[in-house]
Amino acid sequence: MAFVAIYTVGRLKHPYDHSASRQFFSVGNDVFRQATKSGNMLDAFSSDGISLPENVSKREGYPILTLTVWRNLETLYRFTYSGQHKQALKDRSKWMEPYKEKHTSYIVW
């Protein structure tokens, strides 16, 4: 059986302990709970505790990285564009830095 993994990359506008960033993490925790309850997300990893290269950490914004593993592409797509995650995508400009240049924000394999 094949699974699907998605690696997402973003940068928060504010330091991790800022009230806007704390709101992002609160919403993110709710989204992860919903994903876990769906039974379709098989595993999740975040950048907590991972040292980032100096050239990454010195740029504008505060890096946010996630890696999740899903049963298949259909369940990933359905989750991404529904429920709390759909709303979080709509609200992302409150928390995340816009990319000044074209930039890949996720990779699926």
PDB file of N, CA and C in Angstrom:
ATOM      1  N   MET A   1       0.836  -1.170   0.000  1.00  0.00           N
ATOM      2  CA  MET A   1       0.000   0.000   0.000  1.00  0.00           C
ATOM      3  C   MET A   1       0.893   1.248   0.000  1.00  0.00           C
ATOM      4  N   ALA A   2       0.592   2.196  -0.870  1.00  0.00           N
ATOM      5  CA  ALA A   2       1.357   3.447  -0.957  1.00  0.00           C
ATOM      6  C   ALA A   2       0.689   4.517  -0.101  1.00  0.00           C
ATOM      7  N   PHE A   3       1.494   5.338   0.526  1.00  0.00           N
ATOM      8  CA  PHE A   3       1.017   6.460   1.317  1.00  0.00           C
ATOM      9  C   PHE A   3       1.474   7.750   0.654  1.00  0.00           C
ATOM     10  N   VAL A   4       0.966   8.877   1.129  1.00  0.00           N
ATOM     11  CA  VAL A   4       1.338  10.189   0.614  1.00  0.00           C
ATOM     12  C   VAL A   4       1.881  11.015   1.766  1.00  0.00           C
ATOM     13  N   ALA A   5       3.015  11.666   1.536  1.00  0.00           N
ATOM     14  CA  ALA A   5       3.588  12.575   2.535  1.00  0.00           C
ATOM     15  C   ALA A   5       3.571  13.981   1.971  1.00  0.00           C
ATOM     16  N   ILE A   6       3.350  14.959   2.853  1.00  0.00           N
ATOM     17  CA  ILE A   6       3.409  16.361   2.454  1.00  0.00           C
ATOM     18  C   ILE A   6       4.294  17.105   3.446  1.00  0.00           C
ATOM     19  N   TYR A   7       5.237  17.841   2.893  1.00  0.00           N
ATOM     20  CA  TYR A   7       6.175  18.652   3.674  1.00  0.00           C
ATOM     21  C   TYR A   7       5.820  20.101   3.398  1.00  0.00           C
ATOM     22  N   THR A   8       5.462  20.854   4.440  1.00  0.00           N
ATOM     23  CA  THR A   8       5.078  22.250   4.262  1.00  0.00           C
ATOM     24  C   THR A   8       6.120  23.165   4.889  1.00  0.00           C
ATOM     25  N   VAL A   9       6.303  24.325   4.260  1.00  0.00           N
ATOM     26  CA  VAL A   9       7.301  25.298   4.690  1.00  0.00           C
ATOM     27  C   VAL A   9       6.645  26.680   4.718  1.00  0.00           C
ATOM     28  N   GLY A  10       6.841  27.397   5.807  1.00  0.00           N
ATOM     29  CA  GLY A  10       6.330  28.760   5.911  1.00  0.00           C
ATOM     30  C   GLY A  10       7.155  29.552   6.906  1.00  0.00           C
ATOM     31  N   ARG A  11       6.853  30.840   6.994  1.00  0.00           N
ATOM     32  CA  ARG A  11       7.530  31.714   7.959  1.00  0.00           C
ATOM     33  C   ARG A  11       6.491  32.578   8.651  1.00  0.00           C
ATOM     34  N   LEU A  12       6.499  32.517   9.975  1.00  0.00           N
ATOM     35  CA  LEU A  12       5.618  33.374  10.757  1.00  0.00           C
ATOM     36  C   LEU A  12       6.075  34.819  10.666  1.00  0.00           C
ATOM     37  N   LYS A  13       5.141  35.742  10.723  1.00  0.00           N
ATOM     38  CA  LYS A  13       5.459  37.169  10.700  1.00  0.00           C
ATOM     39  C   LYS A  13       6.107  37.622  12.002  1.00  0.00           C
ATOM     40  N   HIS A  14       5.722  36.978  13.090  1.00  0.00           N
ATOM     41  CA  HIS A  14       6.124  37.426  14.425  1.00  0.00           C
ATOM     42  C   HIS A  14       6.913  36.333  15.147  1.00  0.00           C
ATOM     43  N   PRO A  15       7.662  36.706  16.187  1.00  0.00           N
ATOM     44  CA  PRO A  15       8.378  35.695  16.979  1.00  0.00           C
ATOM     45  C   PRO A  15       7.414  34.623  17.493  1.00  0.00           C
ATOM     46  N   TYR A  16       7.952  33.463  17.771  1.00  0.00           N
ATOM     47  CA  TYR A  16       7.142  32.324  18.186  1.00  0.00           C
ATOM     48  C   TYR A  16       6.287  32.617  19.416  1.00  0.00           C
ATOM     49  N   ASP A  17       6.764  33.481  20.329  1.00  0.00           N
ATOM     50  CA  ASP A  17       6.019  33.753  21.561  1.00  0.00           C
ATOM     51  C   ASP A  17       5.089  34.965  21.448  1.00  0.00           C
ATOM     52  N   HIS A  18       4.963  35.566  20.277  1.00  0.00           N
ATOM     53  CA  HIS A  18       4.064  36.702  20.040  1.00  0.00           C
ATOM     54  C   HIS A  18       2.611  36.205  20.087  1.00  0.00           C
ATOM     55  N   SER A  19       1.683  37.074  20.471  1.00  0.00           N
ATOM     56  CA  SER A  19       0.275  36.659  20.592  1.00  0.00           C
ATOM     57  C   SER A  19      -0.292  36.140  19.266  1.00  0.00           C
ATOM     58  N   ALA A  20       0.075  36.755  18.144  1.00  0.00           N
ATOM     59  CA  ALA A  20      -0.416  36.275  16.844  1.00  0.00           C
ATOM     60  C   ALA A  20       0.127  34.880  16.542  1.00  0.00           C
ATOM     61  N   SER A  21       1.387  34.634  16.880  1.00  0.00           N
ATOM     62  CA  SER A  21       1.977  33.311  16.655  1.00  0.00           C
ATOM     63  C   SER A  21       1.359  32.284  17.595  1.00  0.00           C
ATOM     64  N   ARG A  22       1.084  32.687  18.815  1.00  0.00           N
ATOM     65  CA  ARG A  22       0.420  31.756  19.752  1.00  0.00           C
ATOM     66  C   ARG A  22      -0.960  31.376  19.225  1.00  0.00           C
ATOM     67  N   GLN A  23      -1.652  32.332  18.592  1.00  0.00           N
ATOM     68  CA  GLN A  23      -2.949  32.024  17.984  1.00  0.00           C
ATOM     69  C   GLN A  23      -2.760  31.005  16.853  1.00  0.00           C
ATOM     70  N   PHE A  24      -1.733  31.204  16.022  1.00  0.00           N
ATOM     71  CA  PHE A  24      -1.427  30.258  14.948  1.00  0.00           C
ATOM     72  C   PHE A  24      -1.227  28.848  15.512  1.00  0.00           C
ATOM     73  N   PHE A  25      -0.430  28.729  16.572  1.00  0.00           N
ATOM     74  CA  PHE A  25      -0.170  27.414  17.158  1.00  0.00           C
ATOM     75  C   PHE A  25      -1.435  26.815  17.773  1.00  0.00           C
ATOM     76  N   SER A  26      -2.272  27.641  18.359  1.00  0.00           N
ATOM     77  CA  SER A  26      -3.527  27.152  18.923  1.00  0.00           C
ATOM     78  C   SER A  26      -4.431  26.589  17.822  1.00  0.00           C
ATOM     79  N   VAL A  27      -4.571  27.353  16.751  1.00  0.00           N
ATOM     80  CA  VAL A  27      -5.367  26.888  15.606  1.00  0.00           C
ATOM     81  C   VAL A  27      -4.723  25.633  15.012  1.00  0.00           C
ATOM     82  N   GLY A  28      -3.393  25.645  14.890  1.00  0.00           N
ATOM     83  CA  GLY A  28      -2.684  24.482  14.355  1.00  0.00           C
ATOM     84  C   GLY A  28      -2.903  23.235  15.178  1.00  0.00           C
ATOM     85  N   ASN A  29      -2.902  23.378  16.486  1.00  0.00           N
ATOM     86  CA  ASN A  29      -3.165  22.221  17.354  1.00  0.00           C
ATOM     87  C   ASN A  29      -4.572  21.683  17.128  1.00  0.00           C
ATOM     88  N   ASP A  30      -5.537  22.581  16.967  1.00  0.00           N
ATOM     89  CA  ASP A  30      -6.909  22.143  16.681  1.00  0.00           C
ATOM     90  C   ASP A  30      -6.978  21.418  15.335  1.00  0.00           C
ATOM     91  N   VAL A  31      -6.266  21.940  14.342  1.00  0.00           N
ATOM     92  CA  VAL A  31      -6.237  21.316  13.013  1.00  0.00           C
ATOM     93  C   VAL A  31      -5.604  19.925  13.104  1.00  0.00           C
ATOM     94  N   PHE A  32      -4.499  19.795  13.841  1.00  0.00           N
ATOM     95  CA  PHE A  32      -3.851  18.491  13.997  1.00  0.00           C
ATOM     96  C   PHE A  32      -4.779  17.499  14.715  1.00  0.00           C
ATOM     97  N   ARG A  33      -5.521  17.973  15.711  1.00  0.00           N
ATOM     98  CA  ARG A  33      -6.476  17.079  16.392  1.00  0.00           C
ATOM     99  C   ARG A  33      -7.536  16.587  15.416  1.00  0.00           C
ATOM    100  N   GLN A  34      -8.048  17.507  14.582  1.00  0.00           N
ATOM    101  CA  GLN A  34      -9.047  17.120  13.590  1.00  0.00           C
ATOM    102  C   GLN A  34      -8.453  16.113  12.602  1.00  0.00           C
ATOM    103  N   ALA A  35      -7.220  16.348  12.180  1.00  0.00           N
ATOM    104  CA  ALA A  35      -6.567  15.422  11.241  1.00  0.00           C
ATOM    105  C   ALA A  35      -6.387  14.050  11.872  1.00  0.00           C
ATOM    106  N   THR A  36      -5.979  14.027  13.130  1.00  0.00           N
ATOM    107  CA  THR A  36      -5.784  12.755  13.831  1.00  0.00           C
ATOM    108  C   THR A  36      -7.101  12.001  13.953  1.00  0.00           C
ATOM    109  N   LYS A  37      -8.163  12.715  14.306  1.00  0.00           N
ATOM    110  CA  LYS A  37      -9.483  12.085  14.456  1.00  0.00           C
ATOM    111  C   LYS A  37     -10.033  11.571  13.133  1.00  0.00           C
ATOM    112  N   SER A  38      -9.574  12.131  12.016  1.00  0.00           N
ATOM    113  CA  SER A  38     -10.071  11.696  10.707  1.00  0.00           C
ATOM    114  C   SER A  38      -9.694  10.249  10.412  1.00  0.00           C
ATOM    115  N   GLY A  39      -8.610   9.782  11.036  1.00  0.00           N
ATOM    116  CA  GLY A  39      -8.129   8.437  10.765  1.00  0.00           C
ATOM    117  C   GLY A  39      -7.343   8.317   9.469  1.00  0.00           C
ATOM    118  N   ASN A  40      -7.202   9.419   8.755  1.00  0.00           N
ATOM    119  CA  ASN A  40      -6.505   9.396   7.466  1.00  0.00           C
ATOM    120  C   ASN A  40      -5.076   9.926   7.537  1.00  0.00           C
ATOM    121  N   MET A  41      -4.774  10.736   8.550  1.00  0.00           N
ATOM    122  CA  MET A  41      -3.403  11.175   8.762  1.00  0.00           C
ATOM    123  C   MET A  41      -2.734  10.108   9.622  1.00  0.00           C
ATOM    124  N   LEU A  42      -1.683   9.520   9.109  1.00  0.00           N
ATOM    125  CA  LEU A  42      -1.054   8.388   9.783  1.00  0.00           C
ATOM    126  C   LEU A  42       0.050   8.806  10.740  1.00  0.00           C
ATOM    127  N   ASP A  43       0.721   9.929  10.449  1.00  0.00           N
ATOM    128  CA  ASP A  43       1.786  10.402  11.328  1.00  0.00           C
ATOM    129  C   ASP A  43       2.045  11.873  11.027  1.00  0.00           C
ATOM    130  N   ALA A  44       2.659  12.557  11.993  1.00  0.00           N
ATOM    131  CA  ALA A  44       2.962  13.980  11.828  1.00  0.00           C
ATOM    132  C   ALA A  44       4.245  14.318  12.560  1.00  0.00           C
ATOM    133  N   PHE A  45       5.007  15.199  11.964  1.00  0.00           N
ATOM    134  CA  PHE A  45       6.267  15.652  12.540  1.00  0.00           C
ATOM    135  C   PHE A  45       6.326  17.167  12.371  1.00  0.00           C
ATOM    136  N   SER A  46       6.936  17.865  13.317  1.00  0.00           N
ATOM    137  CA  SER A  46       7.110  19.305  13.193  1.00  0.00           C
ATOM    138  C   SER A  46       8.571  19.652  13.421  1.00  0.00           C
ATOM    139  N   SER A  47       8.887  20.923  13.270  1.00  0.00           N
ATOM    140  CA  SER A  47      10.274  21.356  13.405  1.00  0.00           C
ATOM    141  C   SER A  47      10.667  21.646  14.849  1.00  0.00           C
ATOM    142  N   ASP A  48       9.782  21.400  15.803  1.00  0.00           N
ATOM    143  CA  ASP A  48      10.112  21.643  17.210  1.00  0.00           C
ATOM    144  C   ASP A  48      11.382  20.907  17.592  1.00  0.00           C
ATOM    145  N   GLY A  49      12.331  21.635  18.145  1.00  0.00           N
ATOM    146  CA  GLY A  49      13.565  21.021  18.622  1.00  0.00           C
ATOM    147  C   GLY A  49      14.598  20.715  17.559  1.00  0.00           C
ATOM    148  N   ILE A  50      14.300  21.053  16.301  1.00  0.00           N
ATOM    149  CA  ILE A  50      15.248  20.788  15.216  1.00  0.00           C
ATOM    150  C   ILE A  50      16.047  22.055  14.951  1.00  0.00           C
ATOM    151  N   SER A  51      17.350  21.939  14.943  1.00  0.00           N
ATOM    152  CA  SER A  51      18.199  23.087  14.631  1.00  0.00           C
ATOM    153  C   SER A  51      18.169  23.331  13.130  1.00  0.00           C
ATOM    154  N   LEU A  52      17.943  24.588  12.765  1.00  0.00           N
ATOM    155  CA  LEU A  52      17.915  24.953  11.353  1.00  0.00           C
ATOM    156  C   LEU A  52      19.251  25.569  10.958  1.00  0.00           C
ATOM    157  N   PRO A  53      19.653  25.411   9.712  1.00  0.00           N
ATOM    158  CA  PRO A  53      20.900  26.037   9.257  1.00  0.00           C
ATOM    159  C   PRO A  53      20.853  27.547   9.481  1.00  0.00           C
ATOM    160  N   GLU A  54      22.003  28.137   9.762  1.00  0.00           N
ATOM    161  CA  GLU A  54      22.077  29.561  10.069  1.00  0.00           C
ATOM    162  C   GLU A  54      21.492  30.432   8.952  1.00  0.00           C
ATOM    163  N   ASN A  55      21.738  30.077   7.680  1.00  0.00           N
ATOM    164  CA  ASN A  55      21.216  30.887   6.576  1.00  0.00           C
ATOM    165  C   ASN A  55      19.690  30.852   6.514  1.00  0.00           C
ATOM    166  N   VAL A  56      19.069  29.816   7.048  1.00  0.00           N
ATOM    167  CA  VAL A  56      17.610  29.727   7.089  1.00  0.00           C
ATOM    168  C   VAL A  56      17.073  30.569   8.237  1.00  0.00           C
ATOM    169  N   SER A  57      17.676  30.457   9.400  1.00  0.00           N
ATOM    170  CA  SER A  57      17.150  31.131  10.578  1.00  0.00           C
ATOM    171  C   SER A  57      17.407  32.632  10.572  1.00  0.00           C
ATOM    172  N   LYS A  58      18.306  33.140   9.742  1.00  0.00           N
ATOM    173  CA  LYS A  58      18.620  34.575   9.727  1.00  0.00           C
ATOM    174  C   LYS A  58      17.770  35.364   8.728  1.00  0.00           C
ATOM    175  N   ARG A  59      16.921  34.709   7.957  1.00  0.00           N
ATOM    176  CA  ARG A  59      16.062  35.413   7.003  1.00  0.00           C
ATOM    177  C   ARG A  59      14.879  36.029   7.745  1.00  0.00           C
ATOM    178  N   GLU A  60      14.068  36.811   6.996  1.00  0.00           N
ATOM    179  CA  GLU A  60      12.871  37.394   7.591  1.00  0.00           C
ATOM    180  C   GLU A  60      11.910  36.297   8.013  1.00  0.00           C
ATOM    181  N   GLY A  61      11.199  36.544   9.114  1.00  0.00           N
ATOM    182  CA  GLY A  61      10.193  35.606   9.574  1.00  0.00           C
ATOM    183  C   GLY A  61      10.781  34.487  10.407  1.00  0.00           C
ATOM    184  N   TYR A  62       9.902  33.654  10.901  1.00  0.00           N
ATOM    185  CA  TYR A  62      10.266  32.570  11.810  1.00  0.00           C
ATOM    186  C   TYR A  62       9.795  31.258  11.200  1.00  0.00           C
ATOM    187  N   PRO A  63      10.724  30.352  10.859  1.00  0.00           N
ATOM    188  CA  PRO A  63      10.391  29.143  10.097  1.00  0.00           C
ATOM    189  C   PRO A  63       9.393  28.217  10.812  1.00  0.00           C
ATOM    190  N   ILE A  64       8.482  27.700  10.001  1.00  0.00           N
ATOM    191  CA  ILE A  64       7.523  26.683  10.430  1.00  0.00           C
ATOM    192  C   ILE A  64       7.577  25.566   9.395  1.00  0.00           C
ATOM    193  N   LEU A  65       7.855  24.354   9.839  1.00  0.00           N
ATOM    194  CA  LEU A  65       7.959  23.196   8.950  1.00  0.00           C
ATOM    195  C   LEU A  65       7.082  22.074   9.494  1.00  0.00           C
ATOM    196  N   THR A  66       6.378  21.393   8.626  1.00  0.00           N
ATOM    197  CA  THR A  66       5.636  20.210   9.050  1.00  0.00           C
ATOM    198  C   THR A  66       5.790  19.113   8.002  1.00  0.00           C
ATOM    199  N   LEU A  67       5.694  17.898   8.463  1.00  0.00           N
ATOM    200  CA  LEU A  67       5.680  16.726   7.595  1.00  0.00           C
ATOM    201  C   LEU A  67       4.560  15.832   8.099  1.00  0.00           C
ATOM    202  N   THR A  68       3.600  15.531   7.233  1.00  0.00           N
ATOM    203  CA  THR A  68       2.524  14.628   7.606  1.00  0.00           C
ATOM    204  C   THR A  68       2.424  13.509   6.576  1.00  0.00           C
ATOM    205  N   VAL A  69       1.942  12.369   7.028  1.00  0.00           N
ATOM    206  CA  VAL A  69       1.782  11.188   6.175  1.00  0.00           C
ATOM    207  C   VAL A  69       0.308  10.804   6.170  1.00  0.00           C
ATOM    208  N   TRP A  70      -0.234  10.602   4.971  1.00  0.00           N
ATOM    209  CA  TRP A  70      -1.657  10.354   4.769  1.00  0.00           C
ATOM    210  C   TRP A  70      -1.890   9.029   4.060  1.00  0.00           C
ATOM    211  N   ARG A  71      -3.089   8.510   4.213  1.00  0.00           N
ATOM    212  CA  ARG A  71      -3.454   7.228   3.578  1.00  0.00           C
ATOM    213  C   ARG A  71      -3.321   7.294   2.059  1.00  0.00           C
ATOM    214  N   ASN A  72      -3.765   8.414   1.473  1.00  0.00           N
ATOM    215  CA  ASN A  72      -3.689   8.584   0.018  1.00  0.00           C
ATOM    216  C   ASN A  72      -3.894  10.050  -0.328  1.00  0.00           C
ATOM    217  N   LEU A  73      -3.732  10.389  -1.595  1.00  0.00           N
ATOM    218  CA  LEU A  73      -3.841  11.767  -2.036  1.00  0.00           C
ATOM    219  C   LEU A  73      -5.258  12.309  -1.845  1.00  0.00           C
ATOM    220  N   GLU A  74      -6.251  11.490  -2.066  1.00  0.00           N
ATOM    221  CA  GLU A  74      -7.642  11.938  -1.919  1.00  0.00           C
ATOM    222  C   GLU A  74      -7.948  12.380  -0.491  1.00  0.00           C
ATOM    223  N   THR A  75      -7.501  11.610   0.509  1.00  0.00           N
ATOM    224  CA  THR A  75      -7.786  11.989   1.892  1.00  0.00           C
ATOM    225  C   THR A  75      -7.019  13.249   2.292  1.00  0.00           C
ATOM    226  N   LEU A  76      -5.797  13.401   1.792  1.00  0.00           N
ATOM    227  CA  LEU A  76      -5.025  14.623   2.043  1.00  0.00           C
ATOM    228  C   LEU A  76      -5.746  15.823   1.436  1.00  0.00           C
ATOM    229  N   TYR A  77      -6.152  15.714   0.194  1.00  0.00           N
ATOM    230  CA  TYR A  77      -6.841  16.812  -0.482  1.00  0.00           C
ATOM    231  C   TYR A  77      -8.134  17.172   0.230  1.00  0.00           C
ATOM    232  N   ARG A  78      -8.927  16.167   0.561  1.00  0.00           N
ATOM    233  CA  ARG A  78     -10.209  16.398   1.228  1.00  0.00           C
ATOM    234  C   ARG A  78     -10.009  17.129   2.557  1.00  0.00           C
ATOM    235  N   PHE A  79      -9.010  16.720   3.325  1.00  0.00           N
ATOM    236  CA  PHE A  79      -8.744  17.374   4.600  1.00  0.00           C
ATOM    237  C   PHE A  79      -8.241  18.805   4.404  1.00  0.00           C
ATOM    238  N   THR A  80      -7.326  18.989   3.459  1.00  0.00           N
ATOM    239  CA  THR A  80      -6.717  20.303   3.231  1.00  0.00           C
ATOM    240  C   THR A  80      -7.755  21.369   2.920  1.00  0.00           C
ATOM    241  N   TYR A  81      -8.752  21.030   2.131  1.00  0.00           N
ATOM    242  CA  TYR A  81      -9.716  22.022   1.654  1.00  0.00           C
ATOM    243  C   TYR A  81     -11.090  21.889   2.296  1.00  0.00           C
ATOM    244  N   SER A  82     -11.102  21.469   3.577  1.00  0.00           N
ATOM    245  CA  SER A  82     -12.363  21.416   4.322  1.00  0.00           C
ATOM    246  C   SER A  82     -12.100  21.720   5.795  1.00  0.00           C
ATOM    247  N   GLY A  83     -13.158  21.935   6.533  1.00  0.00           N
ATOM    248  CA  GLY A  83     -13.088  22.076   7.988  1.00  0.00           C
ATOM    249  C   GLY A  83     -12.166  23.174   8.472  1.00  0.00           C
ATOM    250  N   GLN A  84     -11.542  22.909   9.610  1.00  0.00           N
ATOM    251  CA  GLN A  84     -10.682  23.895  10.257  1.00  0.00           C
ATOM    252  C   GLN A  84      -9.453  24.232   9.418  1.00  0.00           C
ATOM    253  N   HIS A  85      -8.929  23.272   8.670  1.00  0.00           N
ATOM    254  CA  HIS A  85      -7.754  23.559   7.848  1.00  0.00           C
ATOM    255  C   HIS A  85      -8.094  24.540   6.736  1.00  0.00           C
ATOM    256  N   LYS A  86      -9.254  24.378   6.128  1.00  0.00           N
ATOM    257  CA  LYS A  86      -9.681  25.311   5.082  1.00  0.00           C
ATOM    258  C   LYS A  86      -9.742  26.730   5.643  1.00  0.00           C
ATOM    259  N   GLN A  87     -10.307  26.885   6.839  1.00  0.00           N
ATOM    260  CA  GLN A  87     -10.388  28.204   7.464  1.00  0.00           C
ATOM    261  C   GLN A  87      -8.992  28.739   7.785  1.00  0.00           C
ATOM    262  N   ALA A  88      -8.112  27.879   8.267  1.00  0.00           N
ATOM    263  CA  ALA A  88      -6.744  28.305   8.575  1.00  0.00           C
ATOM    264  C   ALA A  88      -6.035  28.795   7.315  1.00  0.00           C
ATOM    265  N   LEU A  89      -6.258  28.139   6.183  1.00  0.00           N
ATOM    266  CA  LEU A  89      -5.673  28.601   4.923  1.00  0.00           C
ATOM    267  C   LEU A  89      -6.172  30.003   4.571  1.00  0.00           C
ATOM    268  N   LYS A  90      -7.460  30.257   4.806  1.00  0.00           N
ATOM    269  CA  LYS A  90      -8.018  31.583   4.533  1.00  0.00           C
ATOM    270  C   LYS A  90      -7.401  32.639   5.448  1.00  0.00           C
ATOM    271  N   ASP A  91      -7.069  32.255   6.672  1.00  0.00           N
ATOM    272  CA  ASP A  91      -6.546  33.188   7.673  1.00  0.00           C
ATOM    273  C   ASP A  91      -5.025  33.297   7.675  1.00  0.00           C
ATOM    274  N   ARG A  92      -4.350  32.553   6.814  1.00  0.00           N
ATOM    275  CA  ARG A  92      -2.889  32.465   6.900  1.00  0.00           C
ATOM    276  C   ARG A  92      -2.172  33.804   6.795  1.00  0.00           C
ATOM    277  N   SER A  93      -2.750  34.780   6.105  1.00  0.00           N
ATOM    278  CA  SER A  93      -2.072  36.074   5.978  1.00  0.00           C
ATOM    279  C   SER A  93      -1.961  36.797   7.324  1.00  0.00           C
ATOM    280  N   LYS A  94      -2.763  36.409   8.304  1.00  0.00           N
ATOM    281  CA  LYS A  94      -2.648  36.991   9.645  1.00  0.00           C
ATOM    282  C   LYS A  94      -1.365  36.541  10.329  1.00  0.00           C
ATOM    283  N   TRP A  95      -0.884  35.345   9.966  1.00  0.00           N
ATOM    284  CA  TRP A  95       0.233  34.733  10.683  1.00  0.00           C
ATOM    285  C   TRP A  95       1.509  34.611   9.854  1.00  0.00           C
ATOM    286  N   MET A  96       1.357  34.350   8.564  1.00  0.00           N
ATOM    287  CA  MET A  96       2.497  33.966   7.743  1.00  0.00           C
ATOM    288  C   MET A  96       3.006  35.122   6.883  1.00  0.00           C
ATOM    289  N   GLU A  97       4.333  35.150   6.698  1.00  0.00           N
ATOM    290  CA  GLU A  97       4.967  36.113   5.796  1.00  0.00           C
ATOM    291  C   GLU A  97       4.576  35.770   4.355  1.00  0.00           C
ATOM    292  N   PRO A  98       4.259  36.777   3.552  1.00  0.00           N
ATOM    293  CA  PRO A  98       4.053  36.486   2.127  1.00  0.00           C
ATOM    294  C   PRO A  98       5.412  36.246   1.476  1.00  0.00           C
ATOM    295  N   TYR A  99       5.438  35.477   0.424  1.00  0.00           N
ATOM    296  CA  TYR A  99       6.690  35.250  -0.296  1.00  0.00           C
ATOM    297  C   TYR A  99       6.861  36.345  -1.336  1.00  0.00           C
ATOM    298  N   LYS A 100       7.995  37.020  -1.277  1.00  0.00           N
ATOM    299  CA  LYS A 100       8.262  38.112  -2.213  1.00  0.00           C
ATOM    300  C   LYS A 100       8.566  37.576  -3.610  1.00  0.00           C
ATOM    301  N   GLU A 101       9.117  36.395  -3.673  1.00  0.00           N
ATOM    302  CA  GLU A 101       9.422  35.774  -4.959  1.00  0.00           C
ATOM    303  C   GLU A 101       8.650  34.455  -5.026  1.00  0.00           C
ATOM    304  N   LYS A 102       8.587  33.900  -6.216  1.00  0.00           N
ATOM    305  CA  LYS A 102       7.940  32.600  -6.358  1.00  0.00           C
ATOM    306  C   LYS A 102       8.652  31.596  -5.473  1.00  0.00           C
ATOM    307  N   HIS A 103       7.893  30.826  -4.748  1.00  0.00           N
ATOM    308  CA  HIS A 103       8.493  29.938  -3.764  1.00  0.00           C
ATOM    309  C   HIS A 103       7.586  28.730  -3.566  1.00  0.00           C
ATOM    310  N   THR A 104       8.155  27.567  -3.526  1.00  0.00           N
ATOM    311  CA  THR A 104       7.395  26.363  -3.221  1.00  0.00           C
ATOM    312  C   THR A 104       7.125  26.327  -1.722  1.00  0.00           C
ATOM    313  N   SER A 105       5.857  26.202  -1.343  1.00  0.00           N
ATOM    314  CA  SER A 105       5.514  26.162   0.078  1.00  0.00           C
ATOM    315  C   SER A 105       5.188  24.752   0.554  1.00  0.00           C
ATOM    316  N   TYR A 106       5.132  23.807  -0.375  1.00  0.00           N
ATOM    317  CA  TYR A 106       4.921  22.417   0.010  1.00  0.00           C
ATOM    318  C   TYR A 106       5.439  21.474  -1.063  1.00  0.00           C
ATOM    319  N   ILE A 107       5.736  20.265  -0.621  1.00  0.00           N
ATOM    320  CA  ILE A 107       6.179  19.204  -1.514  1.00  0.00           C
ATOM    321  C   ILE A 107       5.381  17.955  -1.145  1.00  0.00           C
ATOM    322  N   VAL A 108       4.842  17.275  -2.119  1.00  0.00           N
ATOM    323  CA  VAL A 108       4.068  16.046  -1.893  1.00  0.00           C
ATOM    324  C   VAL A 108       4.780  14.904  -2.580  1.00  0.00           C
ATOM    325  N   TRP A 109       4.922  13.795  -1.871  1.00  0.00           N
ATOM    326  CA  TRP A 109       5.478  12.593  -2.497  1.00  0.00           C
ATOM    327  C   TRP A 109       4.891  11.363  -1.867  1.00  0.00           C
TER     328      TRP A 109
END
